[in-house]
Amino acid sequence: MDTPCPLTASVRAISQAYGRSFLRLFVESLVATVVLIAVLLMSARLVRSQSTVCTVCIAQVYGSGGASGARYHADFVELFNATEIPLSLAGWTVDYAARSGESWQSIDLSSLVLQPYQYALIQLRSGADGEPLPSADLASDINLNAQDGKVRLTQAGVEVDLLGYGAVDRAESAPASQL
Protein backbone atom coordinates (compact mmCIF):
# COMPACT_ATOMS: atom_id res chain seq x y z
CA MET A 1 0.00 0.00 0.00
CA ASP A 2 1.29 3.47 -0.94
CA THR A 3 2.16 5.89 1.84
CA PRO A 4 -0.02 9.00 1.53
CA CYS A 5 1.56 12.44 1.27
CA PRO A 6 1.93 13.99 4.75
CA LEU A 7 0.16 17.15 3.57
CA THR A 8 -2.79 15.15 2.21
CA ALA A 9 -3.03 13.18 5.45
CA SER A 10 -2.97 16.40 7.50
CA VAL A 11 -5.66 18.05 5.36
CA ARG A 12 -7.87 14.93 5.67
CA ALA A 13 -7.42 14.83 9.44
CA ILE A 14 -8.29 18.53 9.83
CA SER A 15 -11.24 18.19 7.43
CA GLN A 16 -12.65 15.32 9.46
CA ALA A 17 -12.24 17.30 12.67
CA TYR A 18 -13.63 20.62 11.36
CA GLY A 19 -15.78 19.55 8.44
CA ARG A 20 -15.77 20.33 4.74
CA SER A 21 -15.55 24.10 5.28
CA PHE A 22 -11.86 23.83 6.20
CA LEU A 23 -11.03 21.84 3.07
CA ARG A 24 -12.88 24.38 0.91
CA LEU A 25 -11.10 27.28 2.65
CA PHE A 26 -7.73 25.55 2.23
CA VAL A 27 -8.25 24.96 -1.51
CA GLU A 28 -9.50 28.51 -2.08
CA SER A 29 -6.48 29.93 -0.22
CA LEU A 30 -4.12 27.74 -2.20
CA VAL A 31 -5.68 28.82 -5.52
CA ALA A 32 -5.57 32.50 -4.48
CA THR A 33 -1.89 32.16 -3.54
CA VAL A 34 -1.00 30.55 -6.88
CA VAL A 35 -2.92 33.26 -8.78
CA LEU A 36 -1.19 36.02 -6.79
CA ILE A 37 2.25 34.55 -7.49
CA ALA A 38 1.43 34.27 -11.21
CA VAL A 39 0.25 37.91 -11.34
CA LEU A 40 3.38 39.12 -9.54
CA LEU A 41 5.65 37.18 -11.90
CA MET A 42 3.85 38.52 -14.98
CA SER A 43 4.07 42.09 -13.61
CA ALA A 44 7.80 41.75 -12.98
CA ARG A 45 8.33 40.39 -16.50
CA LEU A 46 6.28 43.26 -18.01
CA VAL A 47 8.23 45.92 -16.08
CA ARG A 48 11.54 44.32 -17.09
CA SER A 49 10.49 44.18 -20.77
CA GLN A 50 9.45 47.86 -20.75
CA SER A 51 12.57 49.16 -19.04
CA THR A 52 15.28 50.65 -21.20
CA VAL A 53 18.59 48.95 -20.83
CA CYS A 54 21.54 51.06 -21.82
CA THR A 55 23.97 49.39 -24.22
CA VAL A 56 25.92 52.48 -25.22
CA CYS A 57 25.35 55.42 -22.89
CA ILE A 58 26.39 59.02 -22.49
CA ALA A 59 28.81 58.78 -19.56
CA GLN A 60 29.97 62.41 -19.29
CA VAL A 61 29.48 65.80 -20.92
CA TYR A 62 31.78 68.77 -20.32
CA GLY A 63 30.92 72.14 -21.78
CA SER A 64 33.27 74.70 -20.26
CA GLY A 65 36.35 73.69 -22.21
CA GLY A 66 38.88 76.42 -22.88
CA ALA A 67 37.01 79.12 -20.97
CA SER A 68 38.76 81.19 -18.33
CA GLY A 69 39.24 78.99 -15.27
CA ALA A 70 38.19 75.79 -17.10
CA ARG A 71 39.58 72.50 -15.91
CA TYR A 72 40.02 71.20 -19.48
CA HIS A 73 40.92 73.03 -22.68
CA ALA A 74 38.11 71.44 -24.73
CA ASP A 75 34.47 70.47 -24.45
CA PHE A 76 33.86 66.73 -24.65
CA VAL A 77 31.33 63.92 -24.61
CA GLU A 78 32.26 60.51 -23.27
CA LEU A 79 30.36 57.36 -24.24
CA PHE A 80 30.40 53.96 -22.52
CA ASN A 81 29.72 50.45 -23.84
CA ALA A 82 27.82 48.81 -20.97
CA THR A 83 27.79 45.36 -22.59
CA GLU A 84 30.17 42.44 -22.67
CA ILE A 85 30.39 42.43 -26.47
CA PRO A 86 32.17 44.75 -28.95
CA LEU A 87 29.74 47.19 -30.57
CA SER A 88 30.17 48.93 -33.91
CA LEU A 89 28.73 52.44 -33.82
CA ALA A 90 28.02 52.50 -37.57
CA GLY A 91 24.78 54.42 -37.98
CA TRP A 92 25.10 56.10 -34.55
CA THR A 93 25.44 59.84 -33.85
CA VAL A 94 26.00 62.15 -30.91
CA ASP A 95 23.89 65.27 -31.31
CA TYR A 96 23.86 68.64 -29.52
CA ALA A 97 21.07 71.25 -29.38
CA ALA A 98 20.50 74.45 -27.47
CA ARG A 99 18.27 74.37 -24.40
CA SER A 100 14.99 74.98 -26.21
CA GLY A 101 15.93 74.18 -29.78
CA GLU A 102 15.42 71.18 -31.98
CA SER A 103 18.17 72.13 -34.42
CA TRP A 104 20.66 69.35 -33.70
CA GLN A 105 24.36 69.40 -34.65
CA SER A 106 25.53 65.84 -35.27
CA ILE A 107 28.75 63.88 -34.96
CA ASP A 108 28.91 60.66 -36.99
CA LEU A 109 30.23 57.77 -34.85
CA SER A 110 30.51 55.22 -37.68
CA SER A 111 34.30 54.97 -37.36
CA LEU A 112 34.10 53.76 -33.74
CA VAL A 113 33.96 50.21 -32.41
CA LEU A 114 33.58 50.10 -28.63
CA GLN A 115 35.02 47.07 -26.89
CA PRO A 116 33.18 45.63 -23.87
CA TYR A 117 33.01 48.11 -20.97
CA GLN A 118 35.12 50.62 -22.93
CA TYR A 119 34.77 54.42 -22.96
CA ALA A 120 35.07 56.60 -26.08
CA LEU A 121 36.18 60.22 -25.75
CA ILE A 122 34.81 62.70 -28.29
CA GLN A 123 36.68 65.98 -28.16
CA LEU A 124 34.69 69.06 -29.16
CA ARG A 125 35.69 72.71 -29.65
CA SER A 126 38.77 73.73 -27.69
CA GLY A 127 39.95 77.01 -26.21
CA ALA A 128 43.02 78.53 -24.59
CA ASP A 129 42.61 77.65 -20.91
CA GLY A 130 42.64 74.32 -19.10
CA GLU A 131 44.52 71.05 -19.17
CA PRO A 132 44.69 69.04 -22.38
CA LEU A 133 42.34 66.07 -22.69
CA PRO A 134 43.65 62.53 -23.03
CA SER A 135 43.91 61.30 -26.61
CA ALA A 136 40.41 61.49 -28.14
CA ASP A 137 38.78 58.71 -30.14
CA LEU A 138 36.99 61.26 -32.31
CA ALA A 139 36.97 65.05 -32.70
CA SER A 140 34.44 67.68 -33.78
CA ASP A 141 34.24 71.48 -33.68
CA ILE A 142 30.83 71.62 -31.96
CA ASN A 143 30.83 74.18 -29.14
CA LEU A 144 28.68 73.18 -26.13
CA ASN A 145 27.00 75.85 -24.07
CA ALA A 146 28.26 75.49 -20.48
CA GLN A 147 24.97 76.69 -18.96
CA ASP A 148 22.16 74.89 -20.81
CA GLY A 149 21.86 72.33 -23.58
CA LYS A 150 20.97 68.82 -24.67
CA VAL A 151 23.23 66.00 -25.82
CA ARG A 152 21.65 62.88 -27.25
CA LEU A 153 22.88 59.58 -28.61
CA THR A 154 20.99 58.12 -31.58
CA GLN A 155 21.14 54.81 -33.38
CA ALA A 156 19.70 54.86 -36.92
CA GLY A 157 17.83 58.07 -36.03
CA VAL A 158 16.27 56.67 -32.84
CA GLU A 159 17.18 58.38 -29.57
CA VAL A 160 19.01 55.94 -27.30
CA ASP A 161 20.16 58.28 -24.53
CA LEU A 162 19.58 61.94 -23.69
CA LEU A 163 21.31 64.26 -21.27
CA GLY A 164 19.72 67.66 -20.75
CA TYR A 165 21.50 70.13 -18.46
CA GLY A 166 20.61 73.52 -17.03
CA ALA A 167 17.25 75.09 -17.93
CA VAL A 168 16.29 72.82 -20.84
CA ASP A 169 12.95 71.96 -22.40
CA ARG A 170 13.71 68.22 -22.48
CA ALA A 171 15.78 65.71 -20.51
CA GLU A 172 15.73 61.95 -19.98
CA SER A 173 14.40 62.31 -16.45
CA ALA A 174 15.37 65.52 -14.67
CA PRO A 175 17.89 67.95 -16.16
CA ALA A 176 21.43 67.72 -14.80
CA SER A 177 22.92 70.83 -13.24
CA GLN A 178 24.88 73.25 -15.35
CA LEU A 179 28.18 71.97 -16.69
Foldseek 3Di string as FASTA:
>chain_A
DDDDDPVVVVQVVVCVVPHPVSVVVVVVVVVVVVVVVVVVVVVVVVVVVPDADAQKEFDDWAACAAPVPDAEFFTKIKIWGQDQAKAAQQQKWKWKDFQEDPDIDIDGRRVDIAHHGGMAIETEAGHHDHHYDPDHPYYYDDHDDQAWIKIFMDHNRHTRAIATEHNHPDHPPDHHYGD
